[in-house]
Amino acid sequence: GELDDDRWWEIGEIIMDALNYTLVVRLTYWQGGYYIDKDCHIYKVDELNKRIRIEYGPSNDSVREWIDMRVIYDVQRI
């Protein structure tokens, strides 16, 4: 389901906080017919293409990937 503007605003705030202060967040997004939960850092926000780059995994072997904002369902501080 589509998120309302208030929720999007909240999520935007959390994403920017996580980006600025390197906080770990729990990202919930839709992929391949399922909701995926991932604990990650927000590495970069690409507002032009409406996507975020996340980083996760052990620090010595971390993975970065782009997630489209349109598939994001929730972002929570943890």
Protein backbone atom coordinates (compact mmCIF):
# COMPACT_ATOMS: atom_id res chain seq x y z
CA GLY A 1 0.00 0.00 0.00
CA GLU A 2 0.99 3.58 -0.57
CA LEU A 3 2.30 5.46 2.43
CA ASP A 4 0.71 8.78 3.32
CA ASP A 5 2.64 12.05 3.28
CA ASP A 6 3.05 12.24 7.05
CA ARG A 7 4.58 8.80 7.19
CA TRP A 8 6.87 9.62 4.27
CA TRP A 9 7.98 12.77 6.07
CA GLU A 10 8.81 10.75 9.19
CA ILE A 11 10.70 8.17 7.13
CA GLY A 12 12.59 10.97 5.39
CA GLU A 13 13.62 12.40 8.75
CA ILE A 14 14.87 9.02 9.97
CA ILE A 15 16.77 8.44 6.73
CA MET A 16 18.47 11.85 6.95
CA ASP A 17 19.33 11.31 10.63
CA ALA A 18 20.76 7.89 9.82
CA LEU A 19 22.79 9.41 6.98
CA ASN A 20 24.13 12.29 9.05
CA TYR A 21 24.87 10.39 12.24
CA THR A 22 25.65 6.92 10.83
CA LEU A 23 22.83 5.30 12.79
CA VAL A 24 21.70 1.76 12.11
CA VAL A 25 18.11 1.54 10.93
CA ARG A 26 15.75 -1.32 10.15
CA LEU A 27 14.61 -0.92 6.57
CA THR A 28 11.50 -2.77 5.39
CA TYR A 29 10.98 -2.96 1.65
CA TRP A 30 9.14 -4.99 -0.96
CA GLN A 31 11.14 -7.35 -3.15
CA GLY A 32 10.09 -10.34 -5.21
CA GLY A 33 6.64 -10.55 -3.63
CA TYR A 34 7.83 -10.34 -0.02
CA TYR A 35 8.64 -7.75 2.55
CA ILE A 36 12.34 -7.82 3.43
CA ASP A 37 13.67 -6.47 6.75
CA LYS A 38 17.28 -5.36 6.73
CA ASP A 39 19.32 -3.70 9.46
CA CYS A 40 21.63 -1.31 7.67
CA HIS A 41 23.34 2.05 7.46
CA ILE A 42 22.13 4.66 5.01
CA TYR A 43 25.22 5.36 2.92
CA LYS A 44 23.82 7.82 0.41
CA VAL A 45 20.52 9.40 -0.64
CA ASP A 46 19.93 10.00 -4.35
CA GLU A 47 16.96 12.35 -4.41
CA LEU A 48 17.12 12.85 -8.17
CA ASN A 49 16.52 9.17 -8.89
CA LYS A 50 14.50 8.59 -5.71
CA ARG A 51 16.66 5.85 -4.25
CA ILE A 52 18.91 5.27 -1.27
CA ARG A 53 22.18 3.39 -1.00
CA ILE A 54 22.37 1.14 2.00
CA GLU A 55 25.31 -0.65 3.56
CA TYR A 56 25.10 -3.79 5.67
CA GLY A 57 26.99 -6.85 6.74
CA PRO A 58 30.21 -7.17 8.73
CA SER A 59 32.32 -4.02 8.51
CA ASN A 60 35.22 -5.84 6.92
CA ASP A 61 33.03 -7.25 4.17
CA SER A 62 30.08 -4.92 3.92
CA VAL A 63 27.70 -4.86 0.98
CA ARG A 64 26.23 -1.73 -0.58
CA GLU A 65 23.13 -1.71 -2.70
CA TRP A 66 20.60 0.75 -4.09
CA ILE A 67 16.99 0.53 -2.92
CA ASP A 68 14.24 2.36 -4.80
CA MET A 69 12.28 4.64 -2.51
CA ARG A 70 9.02 3.44 -4.06
CA VAL A 71 9.51 -0.06 -2.64
CA ILE A 72 10.27 1.17 0.88
CA TYR A 73 7.55 0.29 3.35
CA ASP A 74 9.09 1.38 6.64
CA VAL A 75 12.28 2.66 8.23
CA GLN A 76 12.78 2.48 12.00
CA ARG A 77 15.50 3.56 14.35
CA ILE A 78 16.81 0.55 16.26
